[in-house]
N, C-alpha and C. Protein backbone atom coordinates (compact mmCIF):
# COMPACT_ATOMS: atom_id res chain seq x y z
N UNK A 1 -4.54 -15.82 -3.38
CA UNK A 1 -5.82 -16.26 -3.13
C UNK A 1 -6.80 -15.29 -2.46
N UNK A 2 -8.10 -15.31 -3.19
CA UNK A 2 -9.05 -14.33 -2.47
C UNK A 2 -10.42 -15.27 -2.53
N UNK A 3 -11.56 -14.94 -1.37
CA UNK A 3 -12.29 -15.88 -1.36
C UNK A 3 -13.55 -14.70 -1.22
N UNK A 4 -14.82 -15.16 -1.61
CA UNK A 4 -15.74 -14.40 -1.40
C UNK A 4 -16.48 -14.81 -0.30
N UNK A 5 -17.13 -14.19 0.50
CA UNK A 5 -17.98 -14.58 1.46
C UNK A 5 -18.91 -13.70 1.87
N UNK A 6 -20.15 -14.15 2.62
CA UNK A 6 -21.01 -13.34 2.97
C UNK A 6 -21.32 -12.93 4.69
N UNK A 7 -21.43 -11.87 4.82
CA UNK A 7 -21.50 -11.58 6.54
C UNK A 7 -22.62 -10.65 6.62
N UNK A 8 -22.89 -10.62 7.94
CA UNK A 8 -24.18 -10.01 8.48
C UNK A 8 -23.90 -8.37 7.53
N UNK A 9 -23.03 -8.00 7.23
CA UNK A 9 -23.18 -6.42 6.81
C UNK A 9 -23.14 -6.60 5.18
N UNK A 10 -23.14 -7.72 4.28
CA UNK A 10 -23.38 -7.98 2.98
C UNK A 10 -21.98 -8.79 2.31
N UNK A 11 -22.02 -8.84 1.33
CA UNK A 11 -20.92 -9.32 0.47
C UNK A 11 -19.58 -8.91 0.77
N UNK A 12 -18.47 -9.92 1.21
CA UNK A 12 -16.84 -9.28 1.21
C UNK A 12 -16.16 -10.13 0.93
N UNK A 13 -14.66 -9.70 0.78
CA UNK A 13 -13.75 -10.59 -0.04
C UNK A 13 -12.36 -10.66 1.02
N UNK A 14 -12.30 -11.91 1.12
CA UNK A 14 -11.41 -12.21 2.09
C UNK A 14 -9.77 -12.70 1.36
N UNK A 15 -8.82 -12.05 1.64
CA UNK A 15 -7.84 -12.25 1.01
C UNK A 15 -6.72 -13.45 1.65
N UNK A 16 -5.97 -13.76 1.42
CA UNK A 16 -5.28 -15.47 2.00
C UNK A 16 -3.84 -14.38 2.17
N UNK A 17 -3.14 -13.72 1.33
CA UNK A 17 -2.07 -13.12 1.43
C UNK A 17 -2.19 -11.53 1.12
N UNK A 18 -2.67 -10.72 1.81
CA UNK A 18 -3.07 -9.54 2.25
C UNK A 18 -1.64 -8.83 2.01
N UNK A 19 -0.50 -9.19 2.70
CA UNK A 19 0.76 -8.50 2.81
C UNK A 19 1.39 -8.64 1.07
N UNK A 20 1.35 -9.82 0.64
CA UNK A 20 1.63 -9.66 -0.91
C UNK A 20 0.94 -9.40 -1.58
N UNK A 21 -0.35 -8.91 -1.57
CA UNK A 21 -1.15 -8.37 -2.33
C UNK A 21 -0.62 -6.51 -2.43
N UNK A 22 -0.60 -6.34 -1.38
CA UNK A 22 -0.17 -4.82 -1.25
C UNK A 22 1.05 -4.63 -1.42
N UNK A 23 2.33 -5.46 -1.48
CA UNK A 23 3.48 -5.28 -2.31
C UNK A 23 3.14 -5.14 -3.30
N UNK A 24 2.35 -6.33 -4.16
CA UNK A 24 2.71 -6.33 -5.63
C UNK A 24 1.97 -4.92 -6.02
N UNK A 25 0.60 -4.38 -5.39
CA UNK A 25 -0.01 -3.08 -5.79
C UNK A 25 1.04 -2.21 -6.08
N UNK A 26 1.85 -2.03 -4.43
CA UNK A 26 3.05 -0.72 -4.24
C UNK A 26 4.29 -1.14 -5.55
N UNK A 27 4.55 -1.90 -6.23
CA UNK A 27 5.78 -2.04 -6.80
C UNK A 27 5.16 -1.72 -7.99
N UNK A 28 3.79 -2.06 -8.88
CA UNK A 28 3.50 -1.54 -9.94
C UNK A 28 3.24 -0.37 -9.65
N UNK A 29 2.69 0.48 -8.67
CA UNK A 29 2.75 1.74 -8.74
C UNK A 29 3.90 2.57 -8.51
N UNK A 30 4.96 1.85 -8.27
CA UNK A 30 6.21 2.50 -8.40
C UNK A 30 6.82 2.53 -9.93
N UNK A 31 6.43 1.40 -10.38
CA UNK A 31 6.71 1.18 -11.83
C UNK A 31 6.19 1.56 -12.81
N UNK A 32 4.84 2.42 -12.61
CA UNK A 32 4.44 3.07 -13.76
C UNK A 32 4.56 4.48 -14.09
N UNK A 33 4.91 4.76 -15.22
CA UNK A 33 5.48 5.77 -16.31
C UNK A 33 4.96 7.10 -15.57
N UNK A 34 3.72 7.59 -15.08
CA UNK A 34 3.29 8.39 -15.09
C UNK A 34 3.88 8.90 -13.59
N UNK A 35 3.56 10.18 -13.40
CA UNK A 35 4.00 10.94 -12.01
C UNK A 35 3.16 10.53 -11.09
N UNK A 36 3.51 10.23 -9.63
CA UNK A 36 2.77 9.82 -8.62
C UNK A 36 1.60 10.70 -7.96
N UNK A 37 0.28 10.71 -8.22
CA UNK A 37 -0.62 11.36 -7.56
C UNK A 37 -0.22 11.37 -6.02
N UNK A 38 -1.13 12.39 -5.03
CA UNK A 38 -0.99 12.46 -4.01
C UNK A 38 -1.63 11.20 -3.24
N UNK A 39 -2.60 10.75 -4.24
CA UNK A 39 -3.30 9.47 -3.37
C UNK A 39 -2.29 8.23 -3.40
N UNK A 40 -1.55 8.06 -4.51
CA UNK A 40 -0.14 6.84 -4.71
C UNK A 40 0.52 7.49 -3.57
N UNK A 41 1.01 8.61 -3.23
CA UNK A 41 2.35 8.92 -2.58
C UNK A 41 1.91 8.40 -1.03
N UNK A 42 0.14 8.61 -0.87
CA UNK A 42 0.18 8.24 0.58
C UNK A 42 0.51 6.75 0.62
N UNK A 43 -0.58 5.94 -0.24
CA UNK A 43 -0.48 4.61 -0.24
C UNK A 43 0.55 3.93 0.11
N UNK A 44 1.51 4.53 -0.64
CA UNK A 44 3.11 4.00 -0.47
C UNK A 44 3.86 4.15 0.74
N UNK A 45 3.27 5.37 1.01
CA UNK A 45 3.93 6.01 2.43
C UNK A 45 3.40 5.10 3.81
N UNK A 46 1.70 4.90 3.29
CA UNK A 46 1.46 4.08 4.42
C UNK A 46 1.77 2.46 4.42
N UNK A 47 2.04 1.71 3.05
CA UNK A 47 2.58 0.52 2.96
C UNK A 47 3.95 0.63 3.61
N UNK A 48 4.43 1.48 3.72
CA UNK A 48 5.97 1.55 4.57
C UNK A 48 5.56 1.83 6.10
N UNK A 49 4.58 1.93 6.39
CA UNK A 49 4.11 2.35 8.01
C UNK A 49 4.83 3.73 8.38
N UNK A 50 5.14 4.48 7.62
CA UNK A 50 5.59 6.01 7.86
C UNK A 50 4.60 6.97 8.16
N UNK A 51 4.82 8.05 9.08
CA UNK A 51 3.75 9.24 9.29
C UNK A 51 4.41 10.03 8.49
N UNK A 52 3.45 10.98 8.28
CA UNK A 52 3.43 12.24 7.60
C UNK A 52 5.14 13.17 7.98
N UNK A 53 4.87 12.92 9.55
CA UNK A 53 5.91 13.88 10.18
C UNK A 53 7.30 12.95 9.85
N UNK A 54 7.39 11.63 9.78
CA UNK A 54 8.55 11.00 9.35
C UNK A 54 9.19 11.64 7.93
N UNK A 55 8.00 11.37 6.80
CA UNK A 55 8.48 11.52 5.73
C UNK A 55 9.00 13.16 5.21
N UNK A 56 8.16 13.98 6.04
CA UNK A 56 8.54 15.30 6.11
C UNK A 56 9.88 15.56 6.74
N UNK A 57 10.17 14.90 7.51
CA UNK A 57 11.74 14.99 8.23
C UNK A 57 13.09 14.77 7.09
N UNK A 58 12.58 13.31 6.30
CA UNK A 58 13.26 13.13 5.38
C UNK A 58 13.45 14.05 4.21
N UNK A 59 12.26 14.69 3.81
CA UNK A 59 12.01 15.51 2.56
C UNK A 59 12.22 16.91 2.90
N UNK A 60 12.52 17.30 4.45
CA UNK A 60 12.72 18.67 4.79
C UNK A 60 11.86 19.59 4.73
N UNK A 61 10.56 19.04 4.89
CA UNK A 61 8.94 19.30 4.61
C UNK A 61 8.23 18.90 6.00
N UNK A 62 7.25 19.89 6.57
CA UNK A 62 6.58 19.74 7.38
C UNK A 62 5.46 18.82 7.32
N UNK A 63 5.02 18.08 8.49
CA UNK A 63 4.11 17.16 8.25
C UNK A 63 2.54 17.47 7.41
N UNK A 64 2.35 18.98 7.29
CA UNK A 64 1.06 19.60 6.98
C UNK A 64 1.43 19.65 5.35
N UNK A 65 2.71 19.75 5.04
CA UNK A 65 3.39 19.69 3.63
C UNK A 65 3.20 18.80 2.64
N UNK A 66 3.38 17.69 3.96
CA UNK A 66 3.14 16.13 3.12
C UNK A 66 1.70 15.96 2.70
N UNK A 67 0.97 16.38 4.03
CA UNK A 67 -0.95 16.32 4.12
C UNK A 67 -1.19 16.94 2.94
N UNK A 68 -0.64 17.90 2.82
CA UNK A 68 -1.07 18.73 1.20
C UNK A 68 -0.80 18.13 -0.15
N UNK A 69 0.27 17.44 -0.20
CA UNK A 69 0.50 16.84 -1.57
C UNK A 69 -0.47 15.48 -1.60
N UNK A 70 -0.34 15.28 -0.23
CA UNK A 70 -1.10 13.71 -0.32
C UNK A 70 -3.10 14.05 -0.90
N UNK A 71 -3.43 15.09 -0.50
CA UNK A 71 -4.73 15.68 -0.68
C UNK A 71 -4.83 16.19 -1.83
N UNK A 72 -4.02 16.61 -2.72
CA UNK A 72 -3.85 17.00 -3.97
C UNK A 72 -3.91 16.24 -5.09
N UNK A 73 -4.56 16.49 -6.33
CA UNK A 73 -4.85 15.81 -7.30
C UNK A 73 -3.74 16.36 -8.48
N UNK A 74 -2.86 16.82 -7.94
CA UNK A 74 -1.78 17.40 -8.90
C UNK A 74 -0.56 16.18 -8.34
N UNK A 75 0.33 16.04 -9.07
CA UNK A 75 1.16 15.07 -9.14
C UNK A 75 2.40 15.70 -8.26
N UNK A 76 2.94 14.85 -7.23
CA UNK A 76 3.80 15.16 -5.77
C UNK A 76 4.84 16.06 -6.94
N UNK A 77 5.78 16.51 -6.15
CA UNK A 77 7.29 17.25 -6.35
C UNK A 77 7.92 16.01 -7.07
N UNK A 78 8.72 16.39 -8.09
CA UNK A 78 9.39 15.21 -8.82
C UNK A 78 10.63 14.73 -7.96
N UNK A 79 11.30 15.17 -7.05
CA UNK A 79 12.13 14.72 -6.37
C UNK A 79 11.39 13.87 -5.42
N UNK A 80 10.77 14.15 -4.50
CA UNK A 80 9.50 13.44 -3.66
C UNK A 80 8.85 12.22 -4.13
N UNK A 81 8.77 12.24 -5.38
CA UNK A 81 8.30 11.29 -6.57
C UNK A 81 9.36 10.10 -6.64
N UNK A 82 10.31 10.70 -7.06
CA UNK A 82 11.69 9.87 -7.21
C UNK A 82 11.87 8.86 -5.62
N UNK A 83 11.90 10.05 -5.04
CA UNK A 83 12.50 9.26 -3.66
C UNK A 83 11.54 8.31 -3.04
N UNK A 84 10.45 8.49 -3.20
CA UNK A 84 9.48 7.86 -2.51
C UNK A 84 9.59 6.19 -3.33
N UNK A 85 9.44 6.26 -4.70
CA UNK A 85 9.68 5.29 -5.50
C UNK A 85 10.71 4.63 -5.32
N UNK A 86 12.02 4.94 -5.20
CA UNK A 86 12.99 4.47 -4.74
C UNK A 86 13.03 4.04 -3.03
N UNK A 87 12.88 4.64 -2.59
CA UNK A 87 12.82 4.12 -0.99
C UNK A 87 11.87 2.76 -0.83
N UNK A 88 10.53 2.80 -1.25
CA UNK A 88 9.42 1.33 -1.52
C UNK A 88 10.29 0.34 -2.27
N UNK A 89 11.03 0.65 -3.14
CA UNK A 89 11.63 -0.42 -4.41
C UNK A 89 12.78 -1.16 -3.46
N UNK A 90 13.61 -0.28 -2.88
CA UNK A 90 14.62 -0.43 -1.97
C UNK A 90 14.09 -1.41 -0.73
N UNK A 91 13.16 -1.00 -0.29
CA UNK A 91 12.77 -1.46 1.00
C UNK A 91 12.05 -2.91 0.65
N UNK A 92 11.23 -2.75 -0.30
CA UNK A 92 10.38 -4.24 -0.80
C UNK A 92 11.74 -5.19 -1.23
N UNK A 93 13.00 -4.85 -1.82
CA UNK A 93 13.74 -5.64 -2.28
C UNK A 93 14.66 -6.24 -1.48
N UNK A 94 14.29 -5.85 0.03
CA UNK A 94 15.37 -6.41 1.14
C UNK A 94 16.50 -5.72 1.39
N UNK A 95 16.60 -4.39 0.73
CA UNK A 95 17.74 -3.77 1.16
C UNK A 95 17.92 -3.38 2.59
N UNK A 96 19.14 -3.87 3.52
CA UNK A 96 18.88 -3.42 4.65
C UNK A 96 19.30 -2.15 5.19
N UNK A 97 19.94 -1.30 4.55
CA UNK A 97 20.15 0.20 4.56
C UNK A 97 18.88 0.85 4.88
N UNK A 98 18.17 0.41 3.40
CA UNK A 98 16.81 1.47 3.18
C UNK A 98 15.64 0.75 4.55
N UNK A 99 15.96 -0.34 4.66
CA UNK A 99 14.98 -1.08 6.18
C UNK A 99 15.36 -0.22 6.91
N UNK A 100 16.65 -0.42 7.67
CA UNK A 100 17.16 0.34 9.15
C UNK A 100 16.81 1.92 8.27
N UNK A 101 16.61 2.78 7.48
CA UNK A 101 16.23 3.84 7.28
C UNK A 101 14.82 4.27 7.56
N UNK A 102 14.17 3.32 6.89
CA UNK A 102 12.41 3.03 7.41
C UNK A 102 12.10 2.81 9.06
N UNK A 103 13.06 1.77 9.49
CA UNK A 103 12.86 1.74 10.75
C UNK A 103 13.09 2.82 11.47
N UNK A 104 14.80 3.48 11.46
CA UNK A 104 14.71 4.66 11.98
C UNK A 104 13.83 5.97 11.85
N UNK A 105 13.14 6.32 10.62
CA UNK A 105 12.06 7.19 10.53
C UNK A 105 11.09 6.75 11.33
N UNK A 106 10.35 5.45 11.38
CA UNK A 106 9.52 5.01 12.06
C UNK A 106 9.67 5.32 13.74
N UNK A 107 11.02 5.35 14.29
CA UNK A 107 11.21 5.34 15.74
C UNK A 107 11.08 7.25 16.03
N UNK A 108 11.42 7.68 15.00
CA UNK A 108 11.93 9.22 15.27
C UNK A 108 11.07 9.76 16.46
N UNK A 109 9.68 9.83 16.26
CA UNK A 109 8.65 10.35 17.30
C UNK A 109 8.87 9.85 18.51
N UNK A 110 9.61 8.63 18.88
CA UNK A 110 9.77 8.16 20.14
C UNK A 110 10.94 8.59 20.67
N UNK A 111 10.89 8.24 22.08
CA UNK A 111 12.59 8.52 22.70
C UNK A 111 13.11 7.26 22.39
N UNK A 112 14.59 7.65 22.05
CA UNK A 112 15.11 6.33 22.09
C UNK A 112 16.69 6.24 23.41
N UNK A 113 16.45 4.86 24.07
CA UNK A 113 17.45 5.01 25.21
C UNK A 113 18.53 4.02 24.55
N UNK A 114 19.89 4.87 25.02
CA UNK A 114 21.10 4.04 24.45
C UNK A 114 21.60 3.50 25.79
N UNK A 115 22.18 2.08 25.78
CA UNK A 115 22.48 1.83 26.97
C UNK A 115 24.10 1.19 26.88
N UNK A 116 24.92 1.77 27.19
CA UNK A 116 26.15 1.17 26.72
C UNK A 116 26.62 0.11 28.07
N UNK A 117 27.62 -0.83 27.05
CA UNK A 117 27.72 -1.67 28.10
C UNK A 117 29.50 -2.04 27.75
N UNK A 118 30.50 -2.16 29.01
CA UNK A 118 31.66 -2.57 28.21
C UNK A 118 32.00 -4.08 28.27
N UNK A 119 32.44 -4.73 27.29
CA UNK A 119 32.42 -6.18 27.11
C UNK A 119 33.98 -6.19 26.97
N UNK A 120 34.63 -7.82 27.07
CA UNK A 120 36.06 -7.90 26.47
C UNK A 120 36.19 -7.44 25.44
N UNK A 121 35.34 -7.29 24.40
CA UNK A 121 35.75 -6.59 22.95
C UNK A 121 35.71 -5.03 22.47
N UNK A 122 35.16 -4.41 23.99
CA UNK A 122 35.40 -3.25 23.80
C UNK A 122 33.65 -2.94 24.09
N UNK A 123 33.19 -1.41 24.18
CA UNK A 123 32.03 -1.03 24.24
C UNK A 123 30.98 -1.43 22.95
N UNK A 124 29.82 -1.78 23.59
CA UNK A 124 28.44 -1.92 22.37
C UNK A 124 27.34 -0.98 23.30
N UNK A 125 26.48 -1.17 22.31
CA UNK A 125 25.39 -0.59 22.80
C UNK A 125 24.22 -1.08 22.34
N UNK A 126 22.86 -1.02 22.78
CA UNK A 126 21.80 -1.49 22.67
C UNK A 126 20.65 -0.18 22.57
N UNK A 127 19.83 -0.17 22.01
CA UNK A 127 18.96 0.67 21.74
C UNK A 127 17.15 0.28 22.16
N UNK A 128 16.81 1.17 22.84
CA UNK A 128 15.32 0.70 23.24
C UNK A 128 14.79 2.18 22.76
N UNK A 129 13.18 1.54 22.02
CA UNK A 129 12.61 2.99 21.59
C UNK A 129 11.59 2.89 22.76
N UNK A 130 11.00 3.98 23.21
CA UNK A 130 9.96 4.02 24.17
C UNK A 130 8.90 4.96 23.07
N UNK A 131 7.78 4.56 23.54
CA UNK A 131 6.31 5.05 22.68
C UNK A 131 6.44 6.58 23.39
N UNK A 132 6.10 7.43 22.59
CA UNK A 132 5.59 8.91 23.02
C UNK A 132 4.60 9.16 24.33
N UNK A 133 5.21 9.34 25.50
CA UNK A 133 3.66 9.51 26.45
C UNK A 133 2.66 9.98 25.97
N UNK A 134 1.45 9.17 26.59
CA UNK A 134 0.11 9.94 26.11
C UNK A 134 -0.02 11.09 26.50
N UNK A 135 -0.90 11.81 25.62
CA UNK A 135 -1.52 13.23 26.00
C UNK A 135 -3.01 13.38 26.13
N UNK A 136 -3.78 12.07 26.88
CA UNK A 136 -4.85 12.26 26.93
C UNK A 136 -4.97 12.74 28.46
N UNK A 137 -5.61 13.49 28.56
CA UNK A 137 -6.16 13.79 29.69
C UNK A 137 -7.18 13.91 30.60
């Protein structure tokens, strides 16, 4: 449900279920029969909260190559198109393996700490993601 509102900046629209709207738009984009444009590829990547670097690692490309695809008006490479559609659809459908992959890609730019603990059932581990140290000087 959306609602039109007046703000000090002018007219605006407020969405009750923005996440649901984004998911519906992404599913529609993944099901279109024409190749993905760079802008659509970027929209799907951002909906998955993936950085250009993480997608680049997945596709064996640099973050700059991903940025170039996203800025182009030409369709992205066929394999990248297929991969992004498949990843988004499986993630939206609740596929745990894909959700774990997306989560792993989201933390590739962070340091992971593994803590090993011996239990009566054997060894188990926990993971802690650490945000990268700030490079502000």
